[in-house]
């Protein structure tokens, strides 16, 4: 099994992320495009690649719930416990937006989409980078999500700054999306 934390490509990607790069990497079910959520130029590039409106907002992934601490400030203890409890399948939680996330991430919504990833490479990227990453499916708007590195290449060519090695996880569908406070399922996973 690869130790992604010390993998030179992961270390190189983490450095590129600090320089406004957009990367492609495997997640639990599909390939994702990611960048530093604090970098407006990187997010704008990612949105242009996808043909996606900033108003839709973006999912953030992290390797631990603790990496999301600023975005979770102010949550009731029961909601925080629900967020921190591991789920059987990949779950993206819609968390009340406490105003910490920039508008190019929240899309002006009153919630943020946050997921603790269990994909080893995606988690290592977050760990080595030192914080959450944007995670959106690697496809132009309206096209099927890429499930292989070859599909990412066909969609984006050299427009992505780095394409990571590896393959998607075993989840059959993209993550379930649930509202943290109400428990409402917004998208089946």
Protein backbone atom coordinates (compact mmCIF):
# COMPACT_ATOMS: atom_id res chain seq x y z
CA UNK A 1 0.00 0.00 0.00
CA UNK A 2 1.31 3.43 -0.93
CA UNK A 3 2.19 5.83 1.87
CA UNK A 4 0.68 8.88 0.20
CA UNK A 5 1.84 11.25 2.97
CA UNK A 6 5.46 10.89 1.87
CA UNK A 7 4.80 10.43 -1.85
CA UNK A 8 6.81 12.99 -3.86
CA UNK A 9 3.84 13.69 -6.15
CA UNK A 10 1.62 14.53 -3.17
CA UNK A 11 4.30 16.85 -1.79
CA UNK A 12 4.69 18.52 -5.20
CA UNK A 13 0.90 18.93 -5.51
CA UNK A 14 0.70 20.51 -2.05
CA UNK A 15 3.31 23.07 -3.10
CA UNK A 16 1.49 23.80 -6.36
CA UNK A 17 -1.77 24.29 -4.47
CA UNK A 18 -0.10 27.12 -2.56
CA UNK A 19 0.64 28.72 -5.94
CA UNK A 20 -3.03 28.85 -7.11
CA UNK A 21 -2.92 25.52 -8.98
CA UNK A 22 -5.91 23.37 -9.95
CA UNK A 23 -5.31 19.66 -9.52
CA UNK A 24 -7.17 16.50 -10.51
CA UNK A 25 -7.27 13.62 -8.05
CA UNK A 26 -9.30 10.49 -7.32
CA UNK A 27 -11.97 10.55 -4.61
CA UNK A 28 -14.27 7.92 -3.13
CA UNK A 29 -16.32 7.48 -6.33
CA UNK A 30 -15.18 9.85 -9.12
CA UNK A 31 -12.23 12.02 -10.06
CA UNK A 32 -12.29 15.48 -8.56
CA UNK A 33 -10.88 18.88 -9.36
CA UNK A 34 -9.45 20.74 -6.40
CA UNK A 35 -7.63 23.84 -5.33
CA UNK A 36 -6.92 25.99 -2.29
CA UNK A 37 -10.32 27.33 -1.20
CA UNK A 38 -8.66 30.54 0.03
CA UNK A 39 -7.30 31.30 -3.46
CA UNK A 40 -9.88 33.22 -5.46
CA UNK A 41 -7.76 32.99 -8.66
CA UNK A 42 -7.54 29.19 -8.32
CA UNK A 43 -11.27 28.83 -7.65
CA UNK A 44 -12.08 31.08 -10.62
CA UNK A 45 -9.84 28.95 -12.86
CA UNK A 46 -11.53 25.76 -11.62
CA UNK A 47 -15.00 27.23 -12.25
CA UNK A 48 -13.97 28.31 -15.78
CA UNK A 49 -12.68 24.79 -16.53
CA UNK A 50 -15.99 23.29 -15.47
CA UNK A 51 -18.20 26.02 -16.91
CA UNK A 52 -19.78 26.25 -13.46
CA UNK A 53 -21.36 29.29 -11.85
CA UNK A 54 -19.84 30.58 -8.60
CA UNK A 55 -23.41 30.85 -7.26
CA UNK A 56 -23.63 27.04 -6.93
CA UNK A 57 -20.99 26.91 -4.20
CA UNK A 58 -18.34 24.22 -3.84
CA UNK A 59 -17.68 21.20 -1.62
CA UNK A 60 -14.65 21.23 0.65
CA UNK A 61 -12.90 18.05 1.77
CA UNK A 62 -10.49 17.49 4.65
CA UNK A 63 -8.73 14.50 6.16
CA UNK A 64 -10.12 15.21 9.65
CA UNK A 65 -13.04 17.10 11.15
CA UNK A 66 -10.49 19.25 12.99
CA UNK A 67 -9.34 20.77 9.69
CA UNK A 68 -12.84 22.23 9.40
CA UNK A 69 -12.75 23.82 12.88
CA UNK A 70 -13.15 27.46 11.71
CA UNK A 71 -16.21 26.53 9.64
CA UNK A 72 -17.76 24.56 12.52
CA UNK A 73 -17.41 27.31 15.13
CA UNK A 74 -20.76 28.08 16.72
CA UNK A 75 -22.37 24.69 16.11
CA UNK A 76 -24.42 23.16 18.90
CA UNK A 77 -22.62 20.17 20.51
CA UNK A 78 -25.15 17.66 19.10
CA UNK A 79 -24.63 18.95 15.55
CA UNK A 80 -20.86 18.90 15.98
CA UNK A 81 -21.05 15.31 17.24
CA UNK A 82 -23.18 14.33 14.21
CA UNK A 83 -20.59 15.90 11.88
CA UNK A 84 -17.72 14.10 13.60
CA UNK A 85 -19.41 10.67 13.61
CA UNK A 86 -18.06 8.48 10.77
CA UNK A 87 -20.70 7.47 8.22
CA UNK A 88 -21.00 4.16 6.36
CA UNK A 89 -20.79 5.88 3.00
CA UNK A 90 -19.17 9.13 1.85
CA UNK A 91 -21.31 11.95 3.26
CA UNK A 92 -21.10 15.66 2.52
CA UNK A 93 -22.73 17.71 5.26
CA UNK A 94 -24.44 21.03 4.64
CA UNK A 95 -23.27 23.01 7.66
CA UNK A 96 -24.64 26.44 8.62
CA UNK A 97 -22.41 29.09 7.06
CA UNK A 98 -20.87 31.05 9.92
CA UNK A 99 -19.36 33.65 7.57
CA UNK A 100 -15.79 32.30 7.63
CA UNK A 101 -15.83 30.85 4.11
CA UNK A 102 -15.26 33.27 1.24
CA UNK A 103 -18.23 33.88 -1.08
CA UNK A 104 -16.50 32.07 -3.96
CA UNK A 105 -16.83 28.89 -1.84
CA UNK A 106 -20.27 29.39 -0.28
CA UNK A 107 -21.82 30.71 -3.47
CA UNK A 108 -23.87 33.02 -1.27
CA UNK A 109 -25.67 30.08 0.35
CA UNK A 110 -26.48 29.93 4.05
CA UNK A 111 -24.72 26.54 4.26
CA UNK A 112 -21.29 25.14 3.41
CA UNK A 113 -20.74 21.67 1.94
CA UNK A 114 -18.07 19.82 3.97
CA UNK A 115 -16.86 16.20 3.81
CA UNK A 116 -14.20 14.33 5.71
CA UNK A 117 -12.80 12.14 2.97
CA UNK A 118 -11.80 8.54 3.51
CA UNK A 119 -9.99 8.24 0.17
CA UNK A 120 -6.33 7.74 1.16
CA UNK A 121 -4.83 9.94 -1.57
CA UNK A 122 -7.38 12.76 -1.16
CA UNK A 123 -6.89 12.65 2.62
CA UNK A 124 -3.09 12.74 2.21
CA UNK A 125 -3.38 15.77 -0.07
CA UNK A 126 -5.34 17.61 2.62
CA UNK A 127 -2.91 16.55 5.33
CA UNK A 128 0.23 17.55 3.42
CA UNK A 129 -1.40 20.77 2.17
CA UNK A 130 -2.39 21.54 5.75
CA UNK A 131 -6.07 22.22 5.29
CA UNK A 132 -9.28 21.63 3.36
CA UNK A 133 -9.37 21.53 -0.43
CA UNK A 134 -12.09 22.30 -2.93
CA UNK A 135 -13.53 19.06 -4.28
CA UNK A 136 -15.83 19.11 -7.28
CA UNK A 137 -16.34 16.39 -9.85
CA UNK A 138 -13.85 16.44 -12.73
CA UNK A 139 -16.12 17.16 -15.67
CA UNK A 140 -17.43 20.09 -17.66
CA UNK A 141 -20.90 21.13 -16.46
CA UNK A 142 -23.50 18.76 -17.90
CA UNK A 143 -21.04 15.94 -18.73
CA UNK A 144 -20.60 12.69 -16.75
CA UNK A 145 -18.06 12.82 -13.93
CA UNK A 146 -14.68 11.37 -14.86
CA UNK A 147 -14.01 7.97 -13.33
CA UNK A 148 -10.49 7.58 -14.75
CA UNK A 149 -7.38 9.66 -15.31
CA UNK A 150 -7.90 9.17 -19.05
CA UNK A 151 -11.32 10.81 -18.87
CA UNK A 152 -9.83 13.74 -16.95
CA UNK A 153 -7.23 14.11 -19.70
CA UNK A 154 -9.92 13.95 -22.41
CA UNK A 155 -11.99 16.64 -20.67
CA UNK A 156 -9.27 19.07 -19.65
CA UNK A 157 -6.02 18.20 -21.43
CA UNK A 158 -3.18 20.29 -20.05
CA UNK A 159 -5.49 22.90 -18.45
CA UNK A 160 -5.20 21.08 -15.10
CA UNK A 161 -1.88 21.90 -13.41
CA UNK A 162 -1.27 18.38 -12.07
CA UNK A 163 -3.09 15.05 -12.36
CA UNK A 164 -2.43 12.78 -9.42
CA UNK A 165 -1.83 9.02 -9.68
CA UNK A 166 -4.25 6.49 -8.29
CA UNK A 167 -7.82 5.41 -8.83
CA UNK A 168 -11.22 6.14 -7.41
CA UNK A 169 -12.48 4.35 -4.33
CA UNK A 170 -15.20 1.74 -4.15
CA UNK A 171 -18.22 4.00 -3.62
CA UNK A 172 -20.75 3.40 -6.39
CA UNK A 173 -22.13 6.95 -6.33
CA UNK A 174 -20.89 10.43 -5.44
CA UNK A 175 -21.25 11.35 -1.79
CA UNK A 176 -24.60 11.64 -0.14
CA UNK A 177 -25.43 15.25 0.71
CA UNK A 178 -27.26 15.81 4.01
CA UNK A 179 -28.30 18.90 5.90
CA UNK A 180 -26.47 18.75 9.24
CA UNK A 181 -29.18 20.39 11.35
CA UNK A 182 -32.35 18.85 9.86
CA UNK A 183 -30.83 15.53 8.71
CA UNK A 184 -32.63 15.98 5.38
CA UNK A 185 -31.03 14.07 2.50
CA UNK A 186 -30.47 16.51 -0.35
CA UNK A 187 -28.80 13.96 -2.67
CA UNK A 188 -28.76 10.20 -2.26
CA UNK A 189 -25.31 8.67 -2.17
